[in-house]
Amino acid sequence: MDEPKENGTDPGHGGAPPLPFRAAVDALRGARLRPQIEVEPAPAPKRLAPYAYALEAAVVDGEQDVADGRLVLLHDPAGHDAWRGTFRLVTLVRAELEPEMAADPLLPDVCWSWLTGALAARGLAYGEPSGTVTRASSHYFGGLSERPAASQIEIRASWTPREGLGGVPDTAAHLAAWCDLLAQVAGLPPAAPGDASVVTLPQRRGPQSR
């Protein structure tokens, strides 16, 4: 496996990434996920932590992406006061909504509970969760007036995965829980036992639009 360098190591930290970070990235790359979710590496931010690795994913229905998202693993070997740990997971999840669902006043609370519920369902320990749930609606006029109104939900969140042996969190399980969130936002039914495929993350082919 190629070492996770440009995706991303802070230029101020030379040499190979530390072993806990490399192990955490290896676990992400070997995770078993639902076949309806396409996952691939993405450029990681370089200023949030000394070491970072990012993935982007889409829930595919035929030829259409019904939900997409981005998950970033951050690592600071010295620890971070706000994280209360050396690792942090940061995510953005987006999906189109049916009009009836978009009008539900409880929708933001429900979406947040989907995230915490996905983590709890896999028995994952974590701390310092924070985030926002944003609901947006678009109405079209003039030359675009024939388009129907559209609504979208956006979940931005971060949490600190608890570290296990060797100071490495179970990132594969956290990725699986994140994919459960993506599937739920997209309206997929719960995964049946054994409904998973081995994900071999491809090398990124270049910028893609979702």
C-alpha atoms as a PDB file:
ATOM      1  CA  MET A   1       0.000   0.000   0.000  1.00  0.00           C
ATOM      2  CA  ASP A   2       1.260   3.482  -0.758  1.00  0.00           C
ATOM      3  CA  GLU A   3       1.959   5.556   2.301  1.00  0.00           C
ATOM      4  CA  PRO A   4      -0.717   8.221   2.954  1.00  0.00           C
ATOM      5  CA  LYS A   5       1.440  11.260   2.305  1.00  0.00           C
ATOM      6  CA  GLU A   6       0.013  13.962   0.072  1.00  0.00           C
ATOM      7  CA  ASN A   7      -3.446  13.019   1.341  1.00  0.00           C
ATOM      8  CA  GLY A   8      -2.223  14.563   3.633  1.00  0.00           C
ATOM      9  CA  THR A   9       0.721  15.369   5.663  1.00  0.00           C
ATOM     10  CA  ASP A  10       1.465  18.863   6.844  1.00  0.00           C
ATOM     11  CA  PRO A  11       4.524  20.048   4.882  1.00  0.00           C
ATOM     12  CA  GLY A  12       6.099  21.003   8.191  1.00  0.00           C
ATOM     13  CA  HIS A  13       6.226  17.354   9.294  1.00  0.00           C
ATOM     14  CA  GLY A  14       8.830  15.478   7.297  1.00  0.00           C
ATOM     15  CA  GLY A  15       9.327  11.731   7.135  1.00  0.00           C
ATOM     16  CA  ALA A  16       6.846   8.905   7.156  1.00  0.00           C
ATOM     17  CA  PRO A  17       3.534   9.373   8.991  1.00  0.00           C
ATOM     18  CA  PRO A  18       3.459   7.888  12.511  1.00  0.00           C
ATOM     19  CA  LEU A  19       2.467   4.243  12.892  1.00  0.00           C
ATOM     20  CA  PRO A  20      -0.941   4.888  14.581  1.00  0.00           C
ATOM     21  CA  PHE A  21      -2.002   7.121  11.694  1.00  0.00           C
ATOM     22  CA  ARG A  22      -0.812   4.622   9.094  1.00  0.00           C
ATOM     23  CA  ALA A  23      -2.667   1.820  10.868  1.00  0.00           C
ATOM     24  CA  ALA A  24      -5.838   3.920  11.043  1.00  0.00           C
ATOM     25  CA  VAL A  25      -5.625   4.663   7.300  1.00  0.00           C
ATOM     26  CA  ASP A  26      -4.960   0.985   6.498  1.00  0.00           C
ATOM     27  CA  ALA A  27      -8.157   0.090   8.359  1.00  0.00           C
ATOM     28  CA  LEU A  28     -10.137   2.626   6.341  1.00  0.00           C
ATOM     29  CA  ARG A  29      -8.804   1.238   3.093  1.00  0.00           C
ATOM     30  CA  GLY A  30      -9.731  -2.325   4.025  1.00  0.00           C
ATOM     31  CA  ALA A  31     -13.207  -1.661   5.439  1.00  0.00           C
ATOM     32  CA  ARG A  32     -16.159  -3.825   4.370  1.00  0.00           C
ATOM     33  CA  LEU A  33     -19.037  -1.627   3.212  1.00  0.00           C
ATOM     34  CA  ARG A  34     -22.417  -1.814   1.518  1.00  0.00           C
ATOM     35  CA  PRO A  35     -22.104  -2.340  -2.236  1.00  0.00           C
ATOM     36  CA  GLN A  36     -24.540   0.524  -2.965  1.00  0.00           C
ATOM     37  CA  ILE A  37     -22.002   3.013  -1.620  1.00  0.00           C
ATOM     38  CA  GLU A  38     -19.052   3.996  -3.789  1.00  0.00           C
ATOM     39  CA  VAL A  39     -16.009   5.169  -1.824  1.00  0.00           C
ATOM     40  CA  GLU A  40     -12.723   6.596  -3.041  1.00  0.00           C
ATOM     41  CA  PRO A  41      -9.817   8.651  -1.664  1.00  0.00           C
ATOM     42  CA  ALA A  42     -10.030  12.424  -1.902  1.00  0.00           C
ATOM     43  CA  PRO A  43      -7.595  15.296  -1.294  1.00  0.00           C
ATOM     44  CA  ALA A  44      -7.331  15.983   2.442  1.00  0.00           C
ATOM     45  CA  PRO A  45      -7.092  19.365   4.124  1.00  0.00           C
ATOM     46  CA  LYS A  46      -3.532  20.310   5.073  1.00  0.00           C
ATOM     47  CA  ARG A  47      -4.105  22.909   7.786  1.00  0.00           C
ATOM     48  CA  LEU A  48      -6.430  21.197  10.250  1.00  0.00           C
ATOM     49  CA  ALA A  49      -3.922  18.724  11.693  1.00  0.00           C
ATOM     50  CA  PRO A  50      -0.370  17.486  11.107  1.00  0.00           C
ATOM     51  CA  TYR A  51      -1.756  14.383   9.373  1.00  0.00           C
ATOM     52  CA  ALA A  52      -5.020  13.899   7.490  1.00  0.00           C
ATOM     53  CA  TYR A  53      -6.661  11.380   5.191  1.00  0.00           C
ATOM     54  CA  ALA A  54      -9.934  11.906   3.336  1.00  0.00           C
ATOM     55  CA  LEU A  55     -12.558   9.822   1.588  1.00  0.00           C
ATOM     56  CA  GLU A  56     -15.563  10.781  -0.472  1.00  0.00           C
ATOM     57  CA  ALA A  57     -18.572   8.564  -1.033  1.00  0.00           C
ATOM     58  CA  ALA A  58     -21.805   8.485  -2.992  1.00  0.00           C
ATOM     59  CA  VAL A  59     -24.951   6.418  -2.631  1.00  0.00           C
ATOM     60  CA  VAL A  60     -25.777   5.340  -6.160  1.00  0.00           C
ATOM     61  CA  ASP A  61     -29.260   4.513  -7.426  1.00  0.00           C
ATOM     62  CA  GLY A  62     -28.930   3.486 -11.065  1.00  0.00           C
ATOM     63  CA  GLU A  63     -26.919   6.282 -12.631  1.00  0.00           C
ATOM     64  CA  GLN A  64     -27.941   8.903 -10.065  1.00  0.00           C
ATOM     65  CA  ASP A  65     -26.182   9.878  -6.822  1.00  0.00           C
ATOM     66  CA  VAL A  66     -28.948  10.219  -4.235  1.00  0.00           C
ATOM     67  CA  ALA A  67     -26.596  11.220  -1.403  1.00  0.00           C
ATOM     68  CA  ASP A  68     -22.931  12.016  -1.086  1.00  0.00           C
ATOM     69  CA  GLY A  69     -20.444  12.890   1.574  1.00  0.00           C
ATOM     70  CA  ARG A  70     -16.891  13.344   2.704  1.00  0.00           C
ATOM     71  CA  LEU A  71     -15.117  11.865   5.715  1.00  0.00           C
ATOM     72  CA  VAL A  72     -11.786  13.217   6.955  1.00  0.00           C
ATOM     73  CA  LEU A  73      -9.527  11.520   9.481  1.00  0.00           C
ATOM     74  CA  LEU A  74      -7.301  13.969  11.375  1.00  0.00           C
ATOM     75  CA  HIS A  75      -4.345  13.042  13.566  1.00  0.00           C
ATOM     76  CA  ASP A  76      -2.201  15.115  15.893  1.00  0.00           C
ATOM     77  CA  PRO A  77       0.328  12.930  17.745  1.00  0.00           C
ATOM     78  CA  ALA A  78       0.701  15.629  20.419  1.00  0.00           C
ATOM     79  CA  GLY A  79      -3.004  15.571  21.175  1.00  0.00           C
ATOM     80  CA  HIS A  80      -5.549  18.339  20.821  1.00  0.00           C
ATOM     81  CA  ASP A  81      -7.345  20.003  23.740  1.00  0.00           C
ATOM     82  CA  ALA A  82     -10.611  20.474  21.860  1.00  0.00           C
ATOM     83  CA  TRP A  83     -10.617  16.885  20.605  1.00  0.00           C
ATOM     84  CA  ARG A  84      -9.567  15.328  23.935  1.00  0.00           C
ATOM     85  CA  GLY A  85      -7.589  12.810  21.913  1.00  0.00           C
ATOM     86  CA  THR A  86      -5.108  12.464  19.070  1.00  0.00           C
ATOM     87  CA  PHE A  87      -7.632  11.566  16.344  1.00  0.00           C
ATOM     88  CA  ARG A  88     -10.696  13.360  15.029  1.00  0.00           C
ATOM     89  CA  LEU A  89     -13.271  12.462  12.367  1.00  0.00           C
ATOM     90  CA  VAL A  90     -14.912  15.262  10.399  1.00  0.00           C
ATOM     91  CA  THR A  91     -17.772  14.767   7.969  1.00  0.00           C
ATOM     92  CA  LEU A  92     -20.095  16.422   5.510  1.00  0.00           C
ATOM     93  CA  VAL A  93     -23.167  14.521   4.260  1.00  0.00           C
ATOM     94  CA  ARG A  94     -25.692  15.851   1.718  1.00  0.00           C
ATOM     95  CA  ALA A  95     -28.888  14.464   0.218  1.00  0.00           C
ATOM     96  CA  GLU A  96     -31.931  15.614  -1.720  1.00  0.00           C
ATOM     97  CA  LEU A  97     -35.214  15.472   0.198  1.00  0.00           C
ATOM     98  CA  GLU A  98     -38.800  14.709  -0.632  1.00  0.00           C
ATOM     99  CA  PRO A  99     -41.024  17.799  -0.051  1.00  0.00           C
ATOM    100  CA  GLU A 100     -42.960  16.143   2.788  1.00  0.00           C
ATOM    101  CA  MET A 101     -39.772  15.206   4.608  1.00  0.00           C
ATOM    102  CA  ALA A 102     -38.245  18.651   4.097  1.00  0.00           C
ATOM    103  CA  ALA A 103     -41.268  20.248   5.750  1.00  0.00           C
ATOM    104  CA  ASP A 104     -40.961  18.190   8.945  1.00  0.00           C
ATOM    105  CA  PRO A 105     -39.935  20.569  11.781  1.00  0.00           C
ATOM    106  CA  LEU A 106     -38.210  17.702  13.576  1.00  0.00           C
ATOM    107  CA  LEU A 107     -35.985  16.874  10.607  1.00  0.00           C
ATOM    108  CA  PRO A 108     -32.742  18.413  11.991  1.00  0.00           C
ATOM    109  CA  ASP A 109     -33.104  16.504  15.273  1.00  0.00           C
ATOM    110  CA  VAL A 110     -33.878  13.300  13.384  1.00  0.00           C
ATOM    111  CA  CYS A 111     -30.832  13.683  11.119  1.00  0.00           C
ATOM    112  CA  TRP A 112     -28.536  14.251  14.083  1.00  0.00           C
ATOM    113  CA  SER A 113     -29.995  11.177  15.784  1.00  0.00           C
ATOM    114  CA  TRP A 114     -29.195   9.173  12.641  1.00  0.00           C
ATOM    115  CA  LEU A 115     -25.506   9.988  13.124  1.00  0.00           C
ATOM    116  CA  THR A 116     -25.376   9.221  16.837  1.00  0.00           C
ATOM    117  CA  GLY A 117     -27.589   6.183  16.316  1.00  0.00           C
ATOM    118  CA  ALA A 118     -25.313   4.805  13.590  1.00  0.00           C
ATOM    119  CA  LEU A 119     -22.316   5.058  15.919  1.00  0.00           C
ATOM    120  CA  ALA A 120     -24.234   3.536  18.833  1.00  0.00           C
ATOM    121  CA  ALA A 121     -25.591   0.676  16.697  1.00  0.00           C
ATOM    122  CA  ARG A 122     -22.028  -0.477  16.044  1.00  0.00           C
ATOM    123  CA  GLY A 123     -21.046  -0.129  19.691  1.00  0.00           C
ATOM    124  CA  LEU A 124     -18.533   2.635  19.018  1.00  0.00           C
ATOM    125  CA  ALA A 125     -17.150   4.775  21.807  1.00  0.00           C
ATOM    126  CA  TYR A 126     -16.532   8.397  20.969  1.00  0.00           C
ATOM    127  CA  GLY A 127     -16.414  11.822  22.565  1.00  0.00           C
ATOM    128  CA  GLU A 128     -16.777  15.549  21.983  1.00  0.00           C
ATOM    129  CA  PRO A 129     -19.402  15.330  19.208  1.00  0.00           C
ATOM    130  CA  SER A 130     -20.400  18.582  17.537  1.00  0.00           C
ATOM    131  CA  GLY A 131     -22.088  19.623  14.338  1.00  0.00           C
ATOM    132  CA  THR A 132     -24.867  21.334  12.434  1.00  0.00           C
ATOM    133  CA  VAL A 133     -27.819  20.181  10.365  1.00  0.00           C
ATOM    134  CA  THR A 134     -28.868  22.583   7.608  1.00  0.00           C
ATOM    135  CA  ARG A 135     -32.021  22.379   5.529  1.00  0.00           C
ATOM    136  CA  ALA A 136     -32.128  24.372   2.275  1.00  0.00           C
ATOM    137  CA  SER A 137     -34.838  24.851  -0.339  1.00  0.00           C
ATOM    138  CA  SER A 138     -34.498  26.104  -3.908  1.00  0.00           C
ATOM    139  CA  HIS A 139     -37.308  27.651  -5.948  1.00  0.00           C
ATOM    140  CA  TYR A 140     -36.853  28.401  -9.633  1.00  0.00           C
ATOM    141  CA  PHE A 141     -38.079  31.404 -11.620  1.00  0.00           C
ATOM    142  CA  GLY A 142     -37.944  32.889 -15.100  1.00  0.00           C
ATOM    143  CA  GLY A 143     -36.218  30.613 -17.575  1.00  0.00           C
ATOM    144  CA  LEU A 144     -35.904  27.956 -14.857  1.00  0.00           C
ATOM    145  CA  SER A 145     -39.520  28.117 -13.696  1.00  0.00           C
ATOM    146  CA  GLU A 146     -40.342  24.670 -15.107  1.00  0.00           C
ATOM    147  CA  ARG A 147     -38.035  23.029 -12.600  1.00  0.00           C
ATOM    148  CA  PRO A 148     -39.761  21.727  -9.484  1.00  0.00           C
ATOM    149  CA  ALA A 149     -38.742  23.120  -6.115  1.00  0.00           C
ATOM    150  CA  ALA A 150     -35.911  21.156  -4.527  1.00  0.00           C
ATOM    151  CA  SER A 151     -34.811  20.653  -0.936  1.00  0.00           C
ATOM    152  CA  GLN A 152     -31.528  19.407   0.470  1.00  0.00           C
ATOM    153  CA  ILE A 153     -30.261  18.391   3.883  1.00  0.00           C
ATOM    154  CA  GLU A 154     -26.650  18.905   4.898  1.00  0.00           C
ATOM    155  CA  ILE A 155     -25.047  17.379   7.980  1.00  0.00           C
ATOM    156  CA  ARG A 156     -21.685  18.679   9.169  1.00  0.00           C
ATOM    157  CA  ALA A 157     -20.255  16.912  12.174  1.00  0.00           C
ATOM    158  CA  SER A 158     -17.100  15.878  13.976  1.00  0.00           C
ATOM    159  CA  TRP A 159     -16.294  13.517  16.832  1.00  0.00           C
ATOM    160  CA  THR A 160     -13.319  11.951  18.585  1.00  0.00           C
ATOM    161  CA  PRO A 161     -13.078   8.169  18.116  1.00  0.00           C
ATOM    162  CA  ARG A 162     -11.823   6.418  21.241  1.00  0.00           C
ATOM    163  CA  GLU A 163      -8.400   4.884  20.768  1.00  0.00           C
ATOM    164  CA  GLY A 164      -7.759   1.189  21.212  1.00  0.00           C
ATOM    165  CA  LEU A 165      -4.613  -0.905  21.293  1.00  0.00           C
ATOM    166  CA  GLY A 166      -1.546   0.988  20.170  1.00  0.00           C
ATOM    167  CA  GLY A 167      -3.451   4.251  20.330  1.00  0.00           C
ATOM    168  CA  VAL A 168      -5.371   3.403  17.139  1.00  0.00           C
ATOM    169  CA  PRO A 169      -9.163   3.883  16.891  1.00  0.00           C
ATOM    170  CA  ASP A 170     -11.351   1.388  15.041  1.00  0.00           C
ATOM    171  CA  THR A 171     -11.602   3.570  11.954  1.00  0.00           C
ATOM    172  CA  ALA A 172     -13.084   0.787   9.811  1.00  0.00           C
ATOM    173  CA  ALA A 173     -16.078   0.549  12.148  1.00  0.00           C
ATOM    174  CA  HIS A 174     -16.461   4.329  12.213  1.00  0.00           C
ATOM    175  CA  LEU A 175     -16.402   4.371   8.410  1.00  0.00           C
ATOM    176  CA  ALA A 176     -19.058   1.650   8.323  1.00  0.00           C
ATOM    177  CA  ALA A 177     -21.228   3.659  10.730  1.00  0.00           C
ATOM    178  CA  TRP A 178     -20.748   6.749   8.558  1.00  0.00           C
ATOM    179  CA  CYS A 179     -21.878   4.748   5.526  1.00  0.00           C
ATOM    180  CA  ASP A 180     -24.923   3.645   7.530  1.00  0.00           C
ATOM    181  CA  LEU A 181     -25.707   7.341   7.989  1.00  0.00           C
ATOM    182  CA  LEU A 182     -25.278   7.974   4.253  1.00  0.00           C
ATOM    183  CA  ALA A 183     -27.592   5.068   3.446  1.00  0.00           C
ATOM    184  CA  GLN A 184     -30.238   6.276   5.881  1.00  0.00           C
ATOM    185  CA  VAL A 185     -30.131   9.829   4.535  1.00  0.00           C
ATOM    186  CA  ALA A 186     -30.474   8.396   1.023  1.00  0.00           C
ATOM    187  CA  GLY A 187     -33.513   6.348   2.046  1.00  0.00           C
ATOM    188  CA  LEU A 188     -31.947   2.908   1.605  1.00  0.00           C
ATOM    189  CA  PRO A 189     -33.385   0.044   3.664  1.00  0.00           C
ATOM    190  CA  PRO A 190     -31.234  -1.291   6.521  1.00  0.00           C
ATOM    191  CA  ALA A 191     -28.443  -3.569   5.348  1.00  0.00           C
ATOM    192  CA  ALA A 192     -29.169  -7.272   5.622  1.00  0.00           C
ATOM    193  CA  PRO A 193     -26.647  -9.447   7.490  1.00  0.00           C
ATOM    194  CA  GLY A 194     -23.754 -10.163   5.171  1.00  0.00           C
ATOM    195  CA  ASP A 195     -24.804  -7.440   2.714  1.00  0.00           C
ATOM    196  CA  ALA A 196     -21.332  -6.004   2.250  1.00  0.00           C
ATOM    197  CA  SER A 197     -18.515  -6.070  -0.220  1.00  0.00           C
ATOM    198  CA  VAL A 198     -14.803  -5.657   0.244  1.00  0.00           C
ATOM    199  CA  VAL A 199     -13.870  -2.145  -0.733  1.00  0.00           C
ATOM    200  CA  THR A 200     -10.570  -1.687  -2.504  1.00  0.00           C
ATOM    201  CA  LEU A 201     -10.148   2.038  -2.619  1.00  0.00           C
ATOM    202  CA  PRO A 202      -8.962   3.052  -6.099  1.00  0.00           C
ATOM    203  CA  GLN A 203      -6.409   5.711  -6.806  1.00  0.00           C
ATOM    204  CA  ARG A 204      -8.183   8.980  -7.369  1.00  0.00           C
ATOM    205  CA  ARG A 205      -8.731   9.633 -11.053  1.00  0.00           C
ATOM    206  CA  GLY A 206      -8.968  13.390 -10.727  1.00  0.00           C
ATOM    207  CA  PRO A 207     -11.660  15.915  -9.768  1.00  0.00           C
ATOM    208  CA  GLN A 208     -15.204  14.613 -10.062  1.00  0.00           C
ATOM    209  CA  SER A 209     -18.497  16.374  -9.653  1.00  0.00           C
ATOM    210  CA  ARG A 210     -21.144  14.817  -7.528  1.00  0.00           C
END
